[in-house]
Amino acid sequence: MAGAGEHREVLETVRMFAHDQGWLRRMREAVLSGLTAEAAVERVQSDNRARMLRQSDPYLRERLHDLDDLANRLLRQLVGRPTVGPDAMPENAILVARSMGPAALLDYDRARLRGVVLEEGGPTSHIAIVARALGIPAVGEVANATALVETGDAIIVDGGTGEIQIRPGPEIEAAYAEKARLRARRQEQYRALRDVPAVTRDGGAGGLPLQP
């Protein structure tokens, strides 16, 4: 599970990417060479993508999704395409996509978004960390997800096991509904114990000693 504040560190990293002087300089140079602003963004991101795909470190390759997201967000601003409006998503929506950056998740109405399914992005990806922090089940590395799912399909997303069920039958729906109820009860029990002082078995006060 993502540590407390870890999602904030992720979003801060994305902000730093957006203000990276090297990235901005390369786009400025592309514009000065005669490209439109949109073409400059696409060229620089294409170069970034080629460079990142040559990396053997999976962590560095995962950052490609963050850079793609930044480039796409900038392109939407340049062409005047708005972000997702509050009424653009139906109730209890499951978002299925090839990939997403962590900041993109903040564009959606969290009261309506119930889960995310991605073809790329593992459990340690930035999008997964932010999704967990927001309480949104997310499952990545689902091959051909965008081809398998049609708009309006019922989907169950189990972020705990990393499994999804596409067009589940009544028995599967009932089993997952019961699982969700049990989880909700456990969460209530945990919340009730959150502020209760820890006590050891021998009656002593719990807690870890703090170093001066």
N, C-alpha and C. Protein backbone atom coordinates (compact mmCIF):
# COMPACT_ATOMS: atom_id res chain seq x y z
N MET A 1 0.85 -1.19 0.00
CA MET A 1 0.00 0.00 0.00
C MET A 1 0.88 1.24 0.00
N ALA A 2 0.44 2.26 -0.71
CA ALA A 2 1.21 3.48 -0.75
C ALA A 2 1.29 4.09 0.63
N GLY A 3 2.48 4.55 0.99
CA GLY A 3 2.65 5.17 2.28
C GLY A 3 1.94 6.51 2.33
N ALA A 4 1.72 6.97 3.56
CA ALA A 4 1.05 8.25 3.73
C ALA A 4 1.85 9.35 3.05
N GLY A 5 1.19 10.11 2.21
CA GLY A 5 1.86 11.19 1.52
C GLY A 5 2.61 10.78 0.28
N GLU A 6 2.69 9.48 -0.01
CA GLU A 6 3.46 9.04 -1.18
C GLU A 6 2.86 9.57 -2.46
N HIS A 7 1.51 9.63 -2.52
CA HIS A 7 0.89 10.14 -3.74
C HIS A 7 1.20 11.61 -3.95
N ARG A 8 1.40 12.35 -2.85
CA ARG A 8 1.78 13.76 -2.99
C ARG A 8 3.18 13.88 -3.58
N GLU A 9 4.06 12.96 -3.18
CA GLU A 9 5.41 12.96 -3.75
C GLU A 9 5.36 12.64 -5.24
N VAL A 10 4.46 11.74 -5.62
CA VAL A 10 4.30 11.41 -7.04
C VAL A 10 3.87 12.63 -7.83
N LEU A 11 2.85 13.32 -7.33
CA LEU A 11 2.34 14.49 -8.04
C LEU A 11 3.37 15.62 -8.06
N GLU A 12 4.17 15.71 -7.01
CA GLU A 12 5.24 16.71 -7.00
C GLU A 12 6.29 16.36 -8.06
N THR A 13 6.56 15.07 -8.24
CA THR A 13 7.49 14.65 -9.28
C THR A 13 6.96 15.03 -10.66
N VAL A 14 5.67 14.84 -10.87
CA VAL A 14 5.06 15.22 -12.15
C VAL A 14 5.18 16.72 -12.36
N ARG A 15 4.95 17.48 -11.30
CA ARG A 15 5.09 18.94 -11.41
C ARG A 15 6.51 19.33 -11.79
N MET A 16 7.48 18.63 -11.22
CA MET A 16 8.88 18.91 -11.55
C MET A 16 9.17 18.58 -13.01
N PHE A 17 8.59 17.46 -13.50
CA PHE A 17 8.74 17.14 -14.92
C PHE A 17 8.22 18.28 -15.79
N ALA A 18 7.06 18.81 -15.40
CA ALA A 18 6.42 19.86 -16.20
C ALA A 18 7.25 21.13 -16.25
N HIS A 19 8.05 21.36 -15.21
CA HIS A 19 8.88 22.57 -15.16
C HIS A 19 10.34 22.29 -15.50
N ASP A 20 10.60 21.11 -16.03
CA ASP A 20 11.98 20.76 -16.38
C ASP A 20 12.48 21.69 -17.49
N GLN A 21 13.59 22.36 -17.23
CA GLN A 21 14.10 23.34 -18.18
C GLN A 21 14.58 22.70 -19.48
N GLY A 22 15.11 21.49 -19.39
CA GLY A 22 15.55 20.81 -20.61
C GLY A 22 14.39 20.50 -21.53
N TRP A 23 13.28 20.05 -20.95
CA TRP A 23 12.07 19.75 -21.73
C TRP A 23 11.55 21.01 -22.40
N LEU A 24 11.47 22.09 -21.62
CA LEU A 24 10.97 23.35 -22.16
C LEU A 24 11.92 23.90 -23.22
N ARG A 25 13.23 23.77 -23.00
CA ARG A 25 14.19 24.28 -23.97
C ARG A 25 14.08 23.55 -25.30
N ARG A 26 13.93 22.22 -25.26
CA ARG A 26 13.83 21.46 -26.51
C ARG A 26 12.57 21.83 -27.29
N MET A 27 11.48 22.08 -26.59
CA MET A 27 10.26 22.50 -27.29
C MET A 27 10.43 23.90 -27.87
N ARG A 28 11.09 24.77 -27.13
CA ARG A 28 11.33 26.13 -27.63
C ARG A 28 12.19 26.08 -28.89
N GLU A 29 13.22 25.26 -28.87
CA GLU A 29 14.09 25.14 -30.04
C GLU A 29 13.34 24.57 -31.24
N ALA A 30 12.43 23.63 -30.99
CA ALA A 30 11.66 23.05 -32.08
C ALA A 30 10.74 24.09 -32.71
N VAL A 31 10.16 24.96 -31.88
CA VAL A 31 9.30 26.02 -32.40
C VAL A 31 10.13 27.01 -33.22
N LEU A 32 11.31 27.36 -32.72
CA LEU A 32 12.17 28.31 -33.43
C LEU A 32 12.66 27.73 -34.76
N SER A 33 12.68 26.40 -34.86
CA SER A 33 13.10 25.77 -36.12
C SER A 33 12.00 25.81 -37.17
N GLY A 34 10.80 26.24 -36.77
CA GLY A 34 9.72 26.38 -37.74
C GLY A 34 8.51 25.51 -37.47
N LEU A 35 8.56 24.66 -36.46
CA LEU A 35 7.42 23.80 -36.14
C LEU A 35 6.34 24.59 -35.41
N THR A 36 5.11 24.14 -35.55
CA THR A 36 4.05 24.71 -34.72
C THR A 36 4.25 24.23 -33.28
N ALA A 37 3.58 24.88 -32.34
CA ALA A 37 3.73 24.48 -30.94
C ALA A 37 3.29 23.03 -30.74
N GLU A 38 2.18 22.65 -31.40
CA GLU A 38 1.69 21.29 -31.25
C GLU A 38 2.69 20.27 -31.80
N ALA A 39 3.25 20.58 -32.98
CA ALA A 39 4.22 19.68 -33.58
C ALA A 39 5.49 19.60 -32.74
N ALA A 40 5.86 20.72 -32.11
CA ALA A 40 7.05 20.73 -31.26
C ALA A 40 6.87 19.81 -30.06
N VAL A 41 5.69 19.86 -29.45
CA VAL A 41 5.42 18.98 -28.31
C VAL A 41 5.49 17.52 -28.74
N GLU A 42 4.90 17.22 -29.89
CA GLU A 42 4.89 15.83 -30.36
C GLU A 42 6.29 15.35 -30.70
N ARG A 43 7.11 16.22 -31.30
CA ARG A 43 8.47 15.80 -31.64
C ARG A 43 9.29 15.53 -30.39
N VAL A 44 9.23 16.45 -29.43
CA VAL A 44 10.02 16.28 -28.21
C VAL A 44 9.57 15.03 -27.46
N GLN A 45 8.26 14.79 -27.39
CA GLN A 45 7.80 13.61 -26.68
C GLN A 45 8.15 12.33 -27.43
N SER A 46 8.16 12.40 -28.76
CA SER A 46 8.58 11.24 -29.54
C SER A 46 10.03 10.90 -29.25
N ASP A 47 10.87 11.93 -29.14
CA ASP A 47 12.28 11.70 -28.80
C ASP A 47 12.40 11.13 -27.38
N ASN A 48 11.61 11.69 -26.46
CA ASN A 48 11.64 11.19 -25.08
C ASN A 48 11.21 9.72 -25.02
N ARG A 49 10.16 9.41 -25.77
CA ARG A 49 9.64 8.04 -25.77
C ARG A 49 10.69 7.06 -26.29
N ALA A 50 11.35 7.42 -27.38
CA ALA A 50 12.38 6.55 -27.95
C ALA A 50 13.52 6.34 -26.95
N ARG A 51 13.90 7.40 -26.27
CA ARG A 51 14.99 7.31 -25.30
C ARG A 51 14.59 6.46 -24.09
N MET A 52 13.37 6.65 -23.60
CA MET A 52 12.92 5.90 -22.42
C MET A 52 12.74 4.42 -22.73
N LEU A 53 12.29 4.11 -23.94
CA LEU A 53 12.08 2.71 -24.30
C LEU A 53 13.39 1.94 -24.41
N ARG A 54 14.49 2.66 -24.54
CA ARG A 54 15.80 1.99 -24.59
C ARG A 54 16.32 1.67 -23.20
N GLN A 55 15.66 2.20 -22.17
CA GLN A 55 16.12 1.97 -20.80
C GLN A 55 15.80 0.53 -20.37
N SER A 56 16.74 -0.07 -19.68
CA SER A 56 16.51 -1.43 -19.17
C SER A 56 15.88 -1.41 -17.78
N ASP A 57 16.00 -0.29 -17.08
CA ASP A 57 15.43 -0.18 -15.73
C ASP A 57 13.91 -0.04 -15.84
N PRO A 58 13.13 -0.98 -15.28
CA PRO A 58 11.67 -0.89 -15.39
C PRO A 58 11.10 0.35 -14.73
N TYR A 59 11.75 0.84 -13.67
CA TYR A 59 11.26 2.05 -13.00
C TYR A 59 11.33 3.24 -13.95
N LEU A 60 12.45 3.36 -14.66
CA LEU A 60 12.60 4.47 -15.59
C LEU A 60 11.62 4.34 -16.76
N ARG A 61 11.39 3.11 -17.21
CA ARG A 61 10.44 2.91 -18.30
C ARG A 61 9.02 3.29 -17.87
N GLU A 62 8.70 3.06 -16.59
CA GLU A 62 7.38 3.42 -16.08
C GLU A 62 7.16 4.93 -16.14
N ARG A 63 8.24 5.71 -16.03
CA ARG A 63 8.09 7.16 -16.05
C ARG A 63 7.64 7.67 -17.41
N LEU A 64 7.73 6.82 -18.42
CA LEU A 64 7.27 7.20 -19.75
C LEU A 64 5.80 7.58 -19.72
N HIS A 65 5.00 6.89 -18.92
CA HIS A 65 3.57 7.21 -18.83
C HIS A 65 3.37 8.62 -18.28
N ASP A 66 4.20 9.01 -17.32
CA ASP A 66 4.09 10.35 -16.76
C ASP A 66 4.39 11.41 -17.83
N LEU A 67 5.45 11.15 -18.61
CA LEU A 67 5.82 12.11 -19.66
C LEU A 67 4.78 12.15 -20.77
N ASP A 68 4.23 11.00 -21.13
CA ASP A 68 3.16 10.97 -22.13
C ASP A 68 1.97 11.79 -21.66
N ASP A 69 1.63 11.63 -20.39
CA ASP A 69 0.48 12.35 -19.84
C ASP A 69 0.72 13.85 -19.89
N LEU A 70 1.91 14.28 -19.52
CA LEU A 70 2.22 15.71 -19.55
C LEU A 70 2.12 16.26 -20.97
N ALA A 71 2.68 15.52 -21.93
CA ALA A 71 2.63 15.97 -23.32
C ALA A 71 1.18 16.05 -23.81
N ASN A 72 0.38 15.04 -23.47
CA ASN A 72 -1.02 15.04 -23.91
C ASN A 72 -1.81 16.18 -23.28
N ARG A 73 -1.53 16.46 -22.01
CA ARG A 73 -2.23 17.56 -21.34
C ARG A 73 -1.86 18.89 -21.97
N LEU A 74 -0.59 19.05 -22.32
CA LEU A 74 -0.15 20.28 -22.96
C LEU A 74 -0.78 20.42 -24.34
N LEU A 75 -0.86 19.32 -25.08
CA LEU A 75 -1.49 19.37 -26.40
C LEU A 75 -2.96 19.76 -26.30
N ARG A 76 -3.66 19.24 -25.29
CA ARG A 76 -5.07 19.61 -25.12
C ARG A 76 -5.22 21.10 -24.87
N GLN A 77 -4.29 21.66 -24.10
CA GLN A 77 -4.35 23.10 -23.85
C GLN A 77 -4.08 23.89 -25.12
N LEU A 78 -3.14 23.42 -25.92
CA LEU A 78 -2.77 24.15 -27.14
C LEU A 78 -3.89 24.15 -28.17
N VAL A 79 -4.62 23.04 -28.26
CA VAL A 79 -5.69 22.96 -29.27
C VAL A 79 -7.04 23.39 -28.70
N GLY A 80 -7.06 23.77 -27.42
CA GLY A 80 -8.30 24.24 -26.83
C GLY A 80 -9.28 23.15 -26.49
N ARG A 81 -8.77 21.93 -26.29
CA ARG A 81 -9.65 20.83 -25.93
C ARG A 81 -9.76 20.76 -24.42
N PRO A 82 -10.96 20.87 -23.86
CA PRO A 82 -11.08 20.90 -22.39
C PRO A 82 -10.81 19.54 -21.78
N THR A 83 -10.51 19.56 -20.49
CA THR A 83 -10.38 18.31 -19.75
C THR A 83 -11.77 17.73 -19.52
N VAL A 84 -11.83 16.57 -18.90
CA VAL A 84 -13.10 15.88 -18.70
C VAL A 84 -13.99 16.69 -17.77
N GLY A 85 -15.20 17.00 -18.21
CA GLY A 85 -16.14 17.75 -17.40
C GLY A 85 -16.83 16.85 -16.39
N PRO A 86 -17.44 17.45 -15.36
CA PRO A 86 -18.08 16.66 -14.31
C PRO A 86 -19.24 15.81 -14.81
N ASP A 87 -19.87 16.23 -15.91
CA ASP A 87 -21.02 15.48 -16.42
C ASP A 87 -20.66 14.53 -17.54
N ALA A 88 -19.38 14.45 -17.87
CA ALA A 88 -18.97 13.61 -19.00
C ALA A 88 -18.86 12.14 -18.62
N MET A 89 -18.91 11.84 -17.34
CA MET A 89 -18.74 10.46 -16.88
C MET A 89 -20.02 9.98 -16.20
N PRO A 90 -20.48 8.79 -16.54
CA PRO A 90 -21.69 8.27 -15.90
C PRO A 90 -21.41 7.82 -14.47
N GLU A 91 -22.46 7.54 -13.75
CA GLU A 91 -22.31 7.03 -12.39
C GLU A 91 -21.65 5.65 -12.42
N ASN A 92 -20.87 5.37 -11.38
CA ASN A 92 -20.22 4.05 -11.22
C ASN A 92 -19.41 3.67 -12.46
N ALA A 93 -18.63 4.61 -12.96
CA ALA A 93 -17.88 4.38 -14.19
C ALA A 93 -16.57 3.63 -13.91
N ILE A 94 -16.19 2.79 -14.85
CA ILE A 94 -14.89 2.13 -14.86
C ILE A 94 -14.14 2.66 -16.08
N LEU A 95 -12.99 3.23 -15.85
CA LEU A 95 -12.19 3.81 -16.93
C LEU A 95 -11.23 2.75 -17.46
N VAL A 96 -11.29 2.49 -18.76
CA VAL A 96 -10.41 1.51 -19.40
C VAL A 96 -9.56 2.25 -20.42
N ALA A 97 -8.24 2.11 -20.32
CA ALA A 97 -7.34 2.85 -21.21
C ALA A 97 -6.05 2.07 -21.41
N ARG A 98 -5.31 2.49 -22.43
CA ARG A 98 -4.00 1.85 -22.65
C ARG A 98 -3.04 2.23 -21.54
N SER A 99 -2.96 3.53 -21.24
CA SER A 99 -2.11 3.99 -20.15
C SER A 99 -2.63 5.34 -19.68
N MET A 100 -2.17 5.75 -18.51
CA MET A 100 -2.55 7.04 -17.94
C MET A 100 -1.41 7.55 -17.08
N GLY A 101 -1.32 8.86 -17.00
CA GLY A 101 -0.40 9.46 -16.05
C GLY A 101 -1.13 9.74 -14.75
N PRO A 102 -0.43 9.90 -13.65
CA PRO A 102 -1.09 10.10 -12.36
C PRO A 102 -1.91 11.38 -12.28
N ALA A 103 -1.45 12.45 -12.92
CA ALA A 103 -2.19 13.71 -12.85
C ALA A 103 -3.51 13.62 -13.59
N ALA A 104 -3.58 12.78 -14.62
CA ALA A 104 -4.82 12.65 -15.40
C ALA A 104 -5.96 12.14 -14.55
N LEU A 105 -5.63 11.36 -13.53
CA LEU A 105 -6.68 10.79 -12.67
C LEU A 105 -7.44 11.89 -11.94
N LEU A 106 -6.79 13.01 -11.70
CA LEU A 106 -7.42 14.10 -10.96
C LEU A 106 -8.44 14.85 -11.82
N ASP A 107 -8.45 14.60 -13.13
CA ASP A 107 -9.40 15.27 -14.01
C ASP A 107 -10.81 14.70 -13.89
N TYR A 108 -10.92 13.50 -13.34
CA TYR A 108 -12.21 12.81 -13.33
C TYR A 108 -12.93 13.01 -12.00
N ASP A 109 -14.25 12.92 -12.08
CA ASP A 109 -15.09 13.06 -10.89
C ASP A 109 -14.94 11.81 -10.03
N ARG A 110 -14.30 11.96 -8.88
CA ARG A 110 -14.03 10.80 -8.04
C ARG A 110 -15.30 10.22 -7.42
N ALA A 111 -16.38 10.99 -7.40
CA ALA A 111 -17.64 10.46 -6.89
C ALA A 111 -18.27 9.49 -7.89
N ARG A 112 -17.87 9.59 -9.15
CA ARG A 112 -18.44 8.72 -10.19
C ARG A 112 -17.47 7.63 -10.64
N LEU A 113 -16.18 7.90 -10.54
CA LEU A 113 -15.18 6.94 -11.00
C LEU A 113 -14.99 5.85 -9.95
N ARG A 114 -15.28 4.60 -10.33
CA ARG A 114 -15.22 3.48 -9.39
C ARG A 114 -14.04 2.56 -9.61
N GLY A 115 -13.34 2.70 -10.71
CA GLY A 115 -12.20 1.82 -10.95
C GLY A 115 -11.48 2.19 -12.23
N VAL A 116 -10.24 1.71 -12.34
CA VAL A 116 -9.41 1.98 -13.51
C VAL A 116 -8.78 0.67 -13.96
N VAL A 117 -8.83 0.42 -15.27
CA VAL A 117 -8.21 -0.76 -15.87
C VAL A 117 -7.28 -0.26 -16.97
N LEU A 118 -6.01 -0.66 -16.89
CA LEU A 118 -5.02 -0.19 -17.85
C LEU A 118 -4.28 -1.36 -18.50
N GLU A 119 -3.92 -1.17 -19.75
CA GLU A 119 -3.11 -2.18 -20.43
C GLU A 119 -1.66 -2.11 -19.96
N GLU A 120 -1.22 -0.92 -19.57
CA GLU A 120 0.15 -0.73 -19.11
C GLU A 120 0.11 -0.20 -17.68
N GLY A 121 1.26 -0.25 -17.02
CA GLY A 121 1.33 0.28 -15.67
C GLY A 121 1.09 -0.78 -14.62
N GLY A 122 2.13 -1.12 -13.87
CA GLY A 122 2.03 -2.14 -12.84
C GLY A 122 1.62 -1.56 -11.50
N PRO A 123 1.64 -2.39 -10.45
CA PRO A 123 1.21 -1.96 -9.12
C PRO A 123 2.09 -0.89 -8.49
N THR A 124 3.33 -0.74 -8.99
CA THR A 124 4.21 0.29 -8.44
C THR A 124 4.25 1.55 -9.31
N SER A 125 3.43 1.59 -10.35
CA SER A 125 3.41 2.76 -11.22
C SER A 125 2.82 3.95 -10.48
N HIS A 126 3.12 5.14 -10.96
CA HIS A 126 2.62 6.35 -10.31
C HIS A 126 1.10 6.43 -10.34
N ILE A 127 0.49 5.99 -11.44
CA ILE A 127 -0.97 6.03 -11.51
C ILE A 127 -1.57 5.11 -10.46
N ALA A 128 -0.94 3.95 -10.20
CA ALA A 128 -1.45 3.02 -9.20
C ALA A 128 -1.33 3.62 -7.80
N ILE A 129 -0.23 4.31 -7.53
CA ILE A 129 -0.03 4.91 -6.21
C ILE A 129 -1.08 5.99 -5.94
N VAL A 130 -1.32 6.84 -6.93
CA VAL A 130 -2.31 7.91 -6.75
C VAL A 130 -3.72 7.32 -6.63
N ALA A 131 -4.01 6.30 -7.44
CA ALA A 131 -5.34 5.67 -7.38
C ALA A 131 -5.59 5.09 -5.99
N ARG A 132 -4.60 4.40 -5.42
CA ARG A 132 -4.77 3.83 -4.08
C ARG A 132 -5.01 4.93 -3.05
N ALA A 133 -4.28 6.03 -3.18
CA ALA A 133 -4.44 7.13 -2.23
C ALA A 133 -5.84 7.73 -2.31
N LEU A 134 -6.42 7.71 -3.50
CA LEU A 134 -7.76 8.26 -3.69
C LEU A 134 -8.86 7.23 -3.42
N GLY A 135 -8.46 6.00 -3.09
CA GLY A 135 -9.44 4.96 -2.82
C GLY A 135 -10.12 4.42 -4.07
N ILE A 136 -9.42 4.51 -5.21
CA ILE A 136 -9.98 4.02 -6.47
C ILE A 136 -9.27 2.72 -6.85
N PRO A 137 -9.98 1.60 -6.94
CA PRO A 137 -9.33 0.35 -7.36
C PRO A 137 -8.75 0.49 -8.76
N ALA A 138 -7.51 0.03 -8.92
CA ALA A 138 -6.85 0.12 -10.22
C ALA A 138 -6.10 -1.17 -10.49
N VAL A 139 -6.23 -1.67 -11.71
CA VAL A 139 -5.52 -2.87 -12.13
C VAL A 139 -4.82 -2.56 -13.45
N GLY A 140 -3.53 -2.81 -13.49
CA GLY A 140 -2.75 -2.57 -14.70
C GLY A 140 -2.26 -3.86 -15.33
N GLU A 141 -1.57 -3.70 -16.45
CA GLU A 141 -1.00 -4.83 -17.18
C GLU A 141 -2.07 -5.82 -17.62
N VAL A 142 -3.22 -5.29 -18.05
CA VAL A 142 -4.31 -6.12 -18.57
C VAL A 142 -4.21 -6.10 -20.09
N ALA A 143 -3.71 -7.17 -20.66
CA ALA A 143 -3.46 -7.21 -22.10
C ALA A 143 -4.76 -7.04 -22.89
N ASN A 144 -4.71 -6.17 -23.90
CA ASN A 144 -5.84 -5.95 -24.83
C ASN A 144 -7.12 -5.50 -24.12
N ALA A 145 -6.98 -4.81 -23.00
CA ALA A 145 -8.17 -4.40 -22.25
C ALA A 145 -9.09 -3.53 -23.09
N THR A 146 -8.52 -2.60 -23.84
CA THR A 146 -9.36 -1.69 -24.63
C THR A 146 -10.08 -2.41 -25.76
N ALA A 147 -9.54 -3.54 -26.20
CA ALA A 147 -10.20 -4.31 -27.26
C ALA A 147 -11.25 -5.26 -26.68
N LEU A 148 -11.02 -5.71 -25.45
CA LEU A 148 -11.93 -6.68 -24.84
C LEU A 148 -13.19 -6.04 -24.28
N VAL A 149 -13.07 -4.77 -23.89
CA VAL A 149 -14.18 -4.10 -23.21
C VAL A 149 -14.89 -3.15 -24.17
N GLU A 150 -16.21 -3.18 -24.13
CA GLU A 150 -17.01 -2.25 -24.92
C GLU A 150 -17.69 -1.25 -23.98
N THR A 151 -17.97 -0.07 -24.50
CA THR A 151 -18.64 0.94 -23.70
C THR A 151 -19.96 0.40 -23.15
N GLY A 152 -20.14 0.55 -21.85
CA GLY A 152 -21.36 0.07 -21.21
C GLY A 152 -21.24 -1.30 -20.59
N ASP A 153 -20.12 -2.00 -20.83
CA ASP A 153 -19.92 -3.31 -20.23
C ASP A 153 -19.83 -3.20 -18.71
N ALA A 154 -20.39 -4.17 -18.02
CA ALA A 154 -20.21 -4.26 -16.57
C ALA A 154 -18.82 -4.85 -16.30
N ILE A 155 -18.10 -4.24 -15.38
CA ILE A 155 -16.75 -4.70 -15.03
C ILE A 155 -16.60 -4.65 -13.51
N ILE A 156 -15.99 -5.68 -12.97
CA ILE A 156 -15.61 -5.69 -11.56
C ILE A 156 -14.10 -5.54 -11.50
N VAL A 157 -13.63 -4.57 -10.73
CA VAL A 157 -12.20 -4.31 -10.58
C VAL A 157 -11.81 -4.61 -9.14
N ASP A 158 -10.96 -5.60 -8.96
CA ASP A 158 -10.48 -5.96 -7.62
C ASP A 158 -9.04 -5.48 -7.49
N GLY A 159 -8.88 -4.31 -6.90
CA GLY A 159 -7.55 -3.75 -6.75
C GLY A 159 -6.68 -4.54 -5.79
N GLY A 160 -7.29 -5.28 -4.89
CA GLY A 160 -6.53 -6.06 -3.92
C GLY A 160 -5.83 -7.26 -4.54
N THR A 161 -6.53 -7.95 -5.43
CA THR A 161 -5.96 -9.14 -6.06
C THR A 161 -5.39 -8.86 -7.45
N GLY A 162 -5.70 -7.68 -7.99
CA GLY A 162 -5.23 -7.37 -9.34
C GLY A 162 -6.02 -8.08 -10.42
N GLU A 163 -7.26 -8.45 -10.12
CA GLU A 163 -8.09 -9.17 -11.08
C GLU A 163 -9.26 -8.31 -11.53
N ILE A 164 -9.72 -8.56 -12.75
CA ILE A 164 -10.94 -7.91 -13.23
C ILE A 164 -11.88 -8.97 -13.78
N GLN A 165 -13.15 -8.67 -13.74
CA GLN A 165 -14.18 -9.54 -14.30
C GLN A 165 -14.97 -8.71 -15.31
N ILE A 166 -14.95 -9.13 -16.57
CA ILE A 166 -15.67 -8.42 -17.62
C ILE A 166 -16.99 -9.13 -17.88
N ARG A 167 -18.06 -8.36 -17.86
CA ARG A 167 -19.42 -8.89 -18.04
C ARG A 167 -19.66 -10.09 -17.12
N PRO A 168 -19.50 -9.90 -15.81
CA PRO A 168 -19.66 -11.03 -14.87
C PRO A 168 -21.10 -11.50 -14.78
N GLY A 169 -21.25 -12.79 -14.47
CA GLY A 169 -22.58 -13.35 -14.26
C GLY A 169 -23.11 -13.02 -12.88
N PRO A 170 -24.38 -13.33 -12.63
CA PRO A 170 -25.00 -13.00 -11.34
C PRO A 170 -24.27 -13.59 -10.13
N GLU A 171 -23.77 -14.82 -10.25
CA GLU A 171 -23.09 -15.45 -9.12
C GLU A 171 -21.80 -14.72 -8.77
N ILE A 172 -21.06 -14.34 -9.80
CA ILE A 172 -19.80 -13.62 -9.56
C ILE A 172 -20.10 -12.24 -8.97
N GLU A 173 -21.12 -11.57 -9.49
CA GLU A 173 -21.49 -10.27 -8.94
C GLU A 173 -21.86 -10.38 -7.46
N ALA A 174 -22.62 -11.41 -7.12
CA ALA A 174 -23.04 -11.60 -5.73
C ALA A 174 -21.84 -11.87 -4.84
N ALA A 175 -20.89 -12.68 -5.32
CA ALA A 175 -19.71 -13.00 -4.52
C ALA A 175 -18.88 -11.75 -4.26
N TYR A 176 -18.70 -10.92 -5.27
CA TYR A 176 -17.91 -9.71 -5.08
C TYR A 176 -18.66 -8.68 -4.24
N ALA A 177 -19.98 -8.65 -4.34
CA ALA A 177 -20.76 -7.74 -3.51
C ALA A 177 -20.60 -8.10 -2.03
N GLU A 178 -20.61 -9.39 -1.73
CA GLU A 178 -20.41 -9.83 -0.35
C GLU A 178 -18.99 -9.50 0.12
N LYS A 179 -18.03 -9.68 -0.77
CA LYS A 179 -16.64 -9.35 -0.44
C LYS A 179 -16.51 -7.86 -0.13
N ALA A 180 -17.20 -7.03 -0.90
CA ALA A 180 -17.15 -5.58 -0.68
C ALA A 180 -17.79 -5.22 0.66
N ARG A 181 -18.88 -5.91 1.01
CA ARG A 181 -19.53 -5.63 2.30
C ARG A 181 -18.62 -6.00 3.47
N LEU A 182 -17.94 -7.15 3.35
CA LEU A 182 -17.02 -7.56 4.41
C LEU A 182 -15.87 -6.57 4.56
N ARG A 183 -15.37 -6.10 3.43
CA ARG A 183 -14.27 -5.13 3.47
C ARG A 183 -14.74 -3.83 4.11
N ALA A 184 -15.95 -3.40 3.79
CA ALA A 184 -16.47 -2.16 4.37
C ALA A 184 -16.61 -2.29 5.89
N ARG A 185 -17.04 -3.47 6.35
CA ARG A 185 -17.17 -3.68 7.80
C ARG A 185 -15.80 -3.65 8.47
N ARG A 186 -14.80 -4.27 7.82
CA ARG A 186 -13.45 -4.24 8.39
C ARG A 186 -12.92 -2.82 8.47
N GLN A 187 -13.19 -2.04 7.44
CA GLN A 187 -12.73 -0.65 7.45
C GLN A 187 -13.36 0.13 8.59
N GLU A 188 -14.64 -0.13 8.85
CA GLU A 188 -15.31 0.54 9.97
C GLU A 188 -14.67 0.14 11.30
N GLN A 189 -14.33 -1.14 11.43
CA GLN A 189 -13.68 -1.61 12.66
C GLN A 189 -12.31 -0.96 12.83
N TYR A 190 -11.57 -0.85 11.74
CA TYR A 190 -10.25 -0.22 11.80
C TYR A 190 -10.37 1.26 12.19
N ARG A 191 -11.37 1.93 11.62
CA ARG A 191 -11.55 3.35 11.95
C ARG A 191 -11.90 3.53 13.43
N ALA A 192 -12.68 2.60 13.96
CA ALA A 192 -13.06 2.69 15.38
C ALA A 192 -11.85 2.50 16.29
N LEU A 193 -10.85 1.75 15.83
CA LEU A 193 -9.67 1.47 16.65
C LEU A 193 -8.53 2.46 16.41
N ARG A 194 -8.71 3.34 15.44
CA ARG A 194 -7.59 4.19 15.02
C ARG A 194 -7.03 5.03 16.16
N ASP A 195 -7.91 5.58 17.01
CA ASP A 195 -7.45 6.48 18.07
C ASP A 195 -7.36 5.80 19.43
N VAL A 196 -7.53 4.48 19.46
CA VAL A 196 -7.43 3.75 20.73
C VAL A 196 -5.95 3.55 21.07
N PRO A 197 -5.51 3.91 22.28
CA PRO A 197 -4.10 3.74 22.64
C PRO A 197 -3.68 2.27 22.56
N ALA A 198 -2.48 2.04 22.07
CA ALA A 198 -1.96 0.67 21.98
C ALA A 198 -1.52 0.19 23.35
N VAL A 199 -1.83 -1.08 23.65
CA VAL A 199 -1.46 -1.68 24.93
C VAL A 199 -0.85 -3.05 24.65
N THR A 200 0.28 -3.35 25.29
CA THR A 200 0.92 -4.64 25.10
C THR A 200 0.18 -5.71 25.90
N ARG A 201 0.52 -6.97 25.67
CA ARG A 201 -0.17 -8.07 26.34
C ARG A 201 0.03 -8.05 27.85
N ASP A 202 1.15 -7.50 28.29
CA ASP A 202 1.39 -7.45 29.74
C ASP A 202 0.82 -6.19 30.38
N GLY A 203 0.04 -5.44 29.60
CA GLY A 203 -0.63 -4.27 30.16
C GLY A 203 0.13 -2.98 30.02
N GLY A 204 1.31 -3.03 29.42
CA GLY A 204 2.10 -1.81 29.27
C GLY A 204 1.62 -0.98 28.09
N ALA A 205 2.05 0.26 28.08
CA ALA A 205 1.70 1.15 26.98
C ALA A 205 2.46 0.74 25.73
N GLY A 206 1.76 0.72 24.60
CA GLY A 206 2.40 0.36 23.35
C GLY A 206 3.07 1.56 22.72
N GLY A 207 3.62 1.35 21.55
CA GLY A 207 4.29 2.43 20.83
C GLY A 207 5.76 2.17 20.70
N LEU A 208 6.38 2.86 19.76
CA LEU A 208 7.80 2.70 19.51
C LEU A 208 8.58 3.82 20.20
N PRO A 209 9.72 3.48 20.80
CA PRO A 209 10.51 4.54 21.43
C PRO A 209 11.08 5.48 20.38
N LEU A 210 11.08 6.76 20.69
CA LEU A 210 11.60 7.76 19.77
C LEU A 210 13.03 8.09 20.13
N GLN A 211 13.88 8.15 19.13
CA GLN A 211 15.27 8.51 19.36
C GLN A 211 15.39 10.03 19.50
N PRO A 212 16.18 10.49 20.45
CA PRO A 212 16.34 11.94 20.61
C PRO A 212 17.07 12.54 19.42
